[in-house]
Protein backbone atom coordinates (compact mmCIF):
# COMPACT_ATOMS: atom_id res chain seq x y z
CA MET A 1 9.46 -0.60 62.03
CA THR A 2 11.01 1.10 59.04
CA GLN A 3 8.35 2.50 56.76
CA GLY A 4 7.82 0.45 53.62
CA THR A 5 9.56 -2.76 54.71
CA GLN A 6 8.31 -6.30 55.19
CA TRP A 7 9.66 -8.55 57.92
CA PRO A 8 10.01 -12.20 56.95
CA SER A 9 9.31 -14.58 59.79
CA PHE A 10 11.97 -17.13 58.79
CA ILE A 11 14.58 -15.75 61.18
CA ILE A 12 12.32 -15.97 64.21
CA GLN A 13 11.12 -19.43 63.19
CA GLY A 14 14.70 -20.65 62.78
CA ILE A 15 15.68 -19.37 66.21
CA ILE A 16 12.66 -21.02 67.85
CA LEU A 17 13.28 -24.27 65.97
CA GLY A 18 16.95 -24.30 66.97
CA ALA A 19 16.11 -23.59 70.62
CA ASN A 20 13.51 -26.37 70.64
CA LEU A 21 15.93 -28.89 69.20
CA TYR A 22 18.67 -27.82 71.61
CA PHE A 23 16.48 -28.21 74.69
CA LEU A 24 15.02 -31.51 73.46
CA VAL A 25 18.51 -32.95 72.98
CA GLU A 26 19.81 -31.47 76.24
CA SER A 27 16.93 -32.80 78.35
CA GLU A 28 17.94 -36.36 77.35
CA SER A 29 14.57 -37.83 78.25
CA GLY A 30 12.75 -35.97 75.48
CA SER A 31 9.52 -36.13 77.43
CA ASN A 32 8.84 -32.40 77.74
CA ILE A 33 5.35 -31.88 76.27
CA TRP A 34 5.76 -28.08 76.14
CA LEU A 35 8.80 -28.32 73.89
CA PHE A 36 6.98 -30.71 71.60
CA LEU A 37 4.01 -28.30 71.40
CA SER A 38 6.40 -25.49 70.51
CA LEU A 39 8.03 -27.66 67.87
CA ILE A 40 4.64 -28.55 66.39
CA SER A 41 3.65 -24.86 66.30
CA VAL A 42 6.80 -23.86 64.43
CA LEU A 43 6.57 -26.75 62.00
CA SER A 44 2.92 -25.91 61.29
CA VAL A 45 4.00 -22.36 60.37
CA PHE A 46 6.56 -23.82 57.94
CA SER A 47 3.82 -26.01 56.52
CA LEU A 48 1.42 -23.07 56.10
CA GLN A 49 4.12 -21.08 54.32
CA THR A 50 4.18 -23.66 51.55
CA SER A 51 0.51 -23.00 50.82
CA SER A 52 0.33 -19.20 50.80
CA ILE A 53 2.65 -16.20 50.52
CA GLY A 54 0.54 -14.49 53.19
CA PHE A 55 2.21 -16.62 55.85
CA LEU A 56 5.71 -15.37 54.97
CA TYR A 57 5.72 -11.82 56.32
CA LEU A 58 4.93 -10.44 59.77
CA TYR A 59 4.18 -7.01 58.25
CA PRO A 60 3.06 -7.59 54.65
CA LEU A 61 2.78 -4.66 52.25
CA ALA A 62 0.69 -4.40 49.13
CA LYS A 63 2.61 -3.30 46.04
CA ASN A 64 1.48 -2.34 42.57
CA LYS A 65 3.02 -3.59 39.32
CA SER A 66 5.79 -1.01 39.40
CA GLU A 67 6.84 -2.21 42.90
CA ASN A 68 5.59 0.92 44.67
CA THR A 69 4.15 0.34 48.11
CA ILE A 70 0.44 1.14 48.15
CA GLY A 71 -0.49 0.09 51.69
CA ASP A 72 -0.71 -2.48 54.41
CA ALA A 73 -1.75 -6.01 53.39
CA LYS A 74 -2.52 -7.57 56.77
CA GLY A 75 -5.10 -10.31 56.67
CA LEU A 76 -6.22 -13.42 58.47
CA ASP A 77 -3.10 -15.29 57.37
CA THR A 78 -0.89 -12.65 59.02
CA TRP A 79 -2.82 -13.00 62.29
CA ILE A 80 -2.51 -16.79 62.16
CA LEU A 81 1.24 -16.47 61.56
CA ARG A 82 1.69 -14.09 64.49
CA LEU A 83 -0.45 -16.16 66.86
CA LEU A 84 1.36 -19.39 66.00
CA LEU A 85 4.73 -17.74 66.57
CA MET A 86 3.58 -16.34 69.91
CA ALA A 87 2.18 -19.75 70.88
CA SER A 88 5.43 -21.49 69.97
CA LEU A 89 7.41 -18.95 72.03
CA THR A 90 5.03 -19.45 74.95
CA PHE A 91 5.36 -23.23 74.78
CA LEU A 92 9.15 -22.93 74.51
CA TYR A 93 9.20 -20.71 77.61
CA LEU A 94 7.03 -23.15 79.57
CA GLY A 95 9.24 -26.05 78.44
CA ILE A 96 12.38 -24.26 79.64
CA LEU A 97 10.75 -23.53 82.99
CA LYS A 98 9.77 -27.17 83.37
CA ASP A 99 13.27 -28.44 82.50
CA TYR A 100 15.02 -26.10 84.92
CA ALA A 101 12.81 -26.70 87.98
CA PHE A 102 11.19 -23.27 87.94
CA TRP A 103 7.84 -24.93 87.33
CA ASN A 104 6.56 -24.23 90.86
CA ASP A 105 7.12 -20.47 90.62
CA ARG A 106 3.65 -19.39 89.47
CA TRP A 107 4.63 -15.72 89.22
CA LEU A 108 7.34 -16.62 86.70
CA ILE A 109 4.84 -18.51 84.55
CA ILE A 110 2.31 -15.67 84.66
CA LEU A 111 4.97 -13.06 83.89
CA GLY A 112 6.18 -15.03 80.87
CA LEU A 113 2.65 -15.53 79.54
CA VAL A 114 1.87 -11.84 79.87
CA LEU A 115 5.13 -10.68 78.23
CA ILE A 116 5.17 -13.24 75.41
CA PHE A 117 1.49 -13.63 74.59
CA LEU A 118 -0.83 -10.97 76.03
CA ILE A 119 1.14 -7.77 75.46
CA PRO A 120 1.80 -8.47 71.74
CA ILE A 121 -1.90 -9.27 71.21
CA ILE A 122 -2.95 -6.04 72.92
CA PHE A 123 -0.51 -3.99 70.81
CA ASN A 124 -1.65 -5.75 67.62
CA MET A 125 -5.25 -4.81 68.38
CA GLY A 126 -4.51 -1.19 67.48
CA ILE A 127 -3.07 0.37 70.61
CA SER A 128 0.34 0.81 68.94
CA ASP A 129 -1.33 2.57 65.96
CA TRP A 130 -3.22 4.86 68.34
CA MET A 131 -0.01 5.69 70.25
CA ARG A 132 1.88 6.35 66.99
CA ASP A 133 -0.90 8.65 65.70
CA ARG A 134 -1.01 10.53 68.98
CA ALA A 135 2.78 11.01 68.98
CA ASN A 136 2.67 12.30 65.39
CA ARG A 137 -0.04 14.82 66.31
CA ASN A 138 1.97 16.05 69.30
CA TYR A 139 5.16 16.53 67.26
CA LYS A 140 3.39 18.50 64.52
CA LEU A 141 2.31 21.19 66.95
């Protein structure tokens, strides 16, 4: 991530919403529960964004009155935003697997859940900050 920037989540939400609508229309029956769960997750993020600015950015920054960045502004709303986006991606993935007859391949389901849901949660728990700090210490030597 570029230092001092905020990443709005609208782009990711739009892509997920478009993919959900595409697969719902393509499946013709419209009875895929996973795609509907993904759609509900994305629409709930849009709904939350109307209530608070904290749900707009994946990496919010605190700024003072002169628009200088003074630090990280992550809070509970940022975690809710990230978790809902990961949940909607997970549901979309499971819906695609169900539509394309890969539903019986358990290893494919587990791999998708690990890559889409577990690894981002682990990195958001501070491992990425630890790795970044360690790399900075090694380069300063």
